[in-house]
C-alpha atoms as a PDB file:
ATOM      1  CA  MET A   1     -65.330 -32.049 102.802  1.00  0.00           C
ATOM      2  CA  ASN A   2     -63.699 -31.171  99.506  1.00  0.00           C
ATOM      3  CA  ARG A   3     -61.813 -34.457  99.390  1.00  0.00           C
ATOM      4  CA  GLU A   4     -63.291 -36.665  96.694  1.00  0.00           C
ATOM      5  CA  THR A   5     -63.956 -40.348  97.244  1.00  0.00           C
ATOM      6  CA  PRO A   6     -62.526 -42.283  94.293  1.00  0.00           C
ATOM      7  CA  HIS A   7     -64.870 -44.278  92.093  1.00  0.00           C
ATOM      8  CA  ALA A   8     -64.700 -48.049  91.966  1.00  0.00           C
ATOM      9  CA  GLU A   9     -62.950 -49.631  89.007  1.00  0.00           C
ATOM     10  CA  ILE A  10     -64.544 -52.046  86.563  1.00  0.00           C
ATOM     11  CA  GLY A  11     -62.750 -55.382  86.604  1.00  0.00           C
ATOM     12  CA  ASP A  12     -61.661 -57.458  83.615  1.00  0.00           C
ATOM     13  CA  SER A  13     -62.492 -61.048  84.545  1.00  0.00           C
ATOM     14  CA  GLY A  14     -63.799 -61.949  81.092  1.00  0.00           C
ATOM     15  CA  ASP A  15     -67.426 -62.114  82.287  1.00  0.00           C
ATOM     16  CA  VAL A  16     -68.964 -58.726  81.510  1.00  0.00           C
ATOM     17  CA  ALA A  17     -72.053 -59.277  83.649  1.00  0.00           C
ATOM     18  CA  LEU A  18     -69.956 -60.296  86.652  1.00  0.00           C
ATOM     19  CA  ASP A  19     -67.661 -57.304  86.171  1.00  0.00           C
ATOM     20  CA  TRP A  20     -70.628 -54.909  86.187  1.00  0.00           C
ATOM     21  CA  GLN A  21     -72.163 -56.587  89.252  1.00  0.00           C
ATOM     22  CA  LEU A  22     -68.920 -56.309  91.171  1.00  0.00           C
ATOM     23  CA  TYR A  23     -68.515 -52.723  90.001  1.00  0.00           C
ATOM     24  CA  GLY A  24     -72.010 -51.845  91.244  1.00  0.00           C
ATOM     25  CA  ALA A  25     -71.353 -53.366  94.657  1.00  0.00           C
ATOM     26  CA  ALA A  26     -67.978 -51.621  94.938  1.00  0.00           C
ATOM     27  CA  GLU A  27     -69.451 -48.288  93.829  1.00  0.00           C
ATOM     28  CA  ALA A  28     -72.140 -48.559  96.513  1.00  0.00           C
ATOM     29  CA  GLY A  29     -69.354 -49.043  99.054  1.00  0.00           C
ATOM     30  CA  GLN A  30     -67.619 -45.908  97.814  1.00  0.00           C
ATOM     31  CA  LEU A  31     -70.888 -43.986  98.198  1.00  0.00           C
ATOM     32  CA  THR A  32     -71.144 -45.181 101.781  1.00  0.00           C
ATOM     33  CA  LYS A  33     -67.617 -43.928 102.461  1.00  0.00           C
ATOM     34  CA  ALA A  34     -68.434 -40.542 100.911  1.00  0.00           C
ATOM     35  CA  ASN A  35     -71.632 -40.215 102.945  1.00  0.00           C
ATOM     36  CA  ASP A  36     -69.764 -41.109 106.154  1.00  0.00           C
ATOM     37  CA  ASP A  37     -67.224 -38.368 105.451  1.00  0.00           C
ATOM     38  CA  LYS A  38     -69.979 -35.810 104.930  1.00  0.00           C
ATOM     39  CA  GLY A  39     -71.888 -36.984 108.009  1.00  0.00           C
ATOM     40  CA  THR A  40     -68.784 -36.609 110.156  1.00  0.00           C
ATOM     41  CA  GLY A  41     -68.233 -33.116 108.788  1.00  0.00           C
ATOM     42  CA  PHE A  42     -71.793 -32.078 109.593  1.00  0.00           C
ATOM     43  CA  ALA A  43     -71.469 -33.520 113.114  1.00  0.00           C
ATOM     44  CA  ILE A  44     -68.370 -31.400 113.699  1.00  0.00           C
ATOM     45  CA  ILE A  45     -70.129 -28.295 112.396  1.00  0.00           C
ATOM     46  CA  ASN A  46     -73.149 -28.918 114.643  1.00  0.00           C
ATOM     47  CA  ALA A  47     -70.914 -29.418 117.697  1.00  0.00           C
ATOM     48  CA  CYS A  48     -69.158 -26.124 116.963  1.00  0.00           C
ATOM     49  CA  GLU A  49     -72.472 -24.297 116.569  1.00  0.00           C
ATOM     50  CA  VAL A  50     -73.693 -25.601 119.945  1.00  0.00           C
ATOM     51  CA  ARG A  51     -70.419 -24.531 121.552  1.00  0.00           C
ATOM     52  CA  ASP A  52     -70.648 -21.080 119.978  1.00  0.00           C
ATOM     53  CA  ALA A  53     -74.283 -20.630 121.043  1.00  0.00           C
ATOM     54  CA  THR A  54     -73.377 -21.481 124.648  1.00  0.00           C
ATOM     55  CA  ILE A  55     -70.500 -19.023 124.675  1.00  0.00           C
ATOM     56  CA  THR A  56     -72.626 -16.311 123.051  1.00  0.00           C
ATOM     57  CA  ALA A  57     -75.354 -16.780 125.668  1.00  0.00           C
ATOM     58  CA  ARG A  58     -72.762 -16.415 128.446  1.00  0.00           C
ATOM     59  CA  LEU A  59     -71.310 -13.269 126.858  1.00  0.00           C
ATOM     60  CA  ASN A  60     -74.717 -11.640 126.443  1.00  0.00           C
ATOM     61  CA  ARG A  61     -75.711 -11.915 130.116  1.00  0.00           C
ATOM     62  CA  PRO A  62     -75.489  -8.857 132.415  1.00  0.00           C
ATOM     63  CA  TRP A  63     -72.092  -8.067 133.928  1.00  0.00           C
ATOM     64  CA  TRP A  64     -73.210  -8.935 137.462  1.00  0.00           C
ATOM     65  CA  ARG A  65     -74.170 -12.475 136.322  1.00  0.00           C
ATOM     66  CA  THR A  66     -70.499 -13.089 135.555  1.00  0.00           C
ATOM     67  CA  LEU A  67     -69.886 -13.065 139.319  1.00  0.00           C
ATOM     68  CA  LEU A  68     -72.082 -16.149 139.706  1.00  0.00           C
ATOM     69  CA  PRO A  69     -70.859 -19.619 138.746  1.00  0.00           C
ATOM     70  CA  GLY A  70     -72.070 -21.184 135.493  1.00  0.00           C
END
């Protein structure tokens, strides 16, 4: 999650207003990419926490429960 998403570049079409409009649209796309990266990272972290909680619950049960399945 330390990888930076590059910013969009401002074009040079000769029409300043058009360049800024295209830049704004492209920058919004870059923000979407950055948010997707962060969302994926948080999903991985949550999956690991669920896995760890399940394993911890199994380790904390009495020794005789280890003889039973599950």
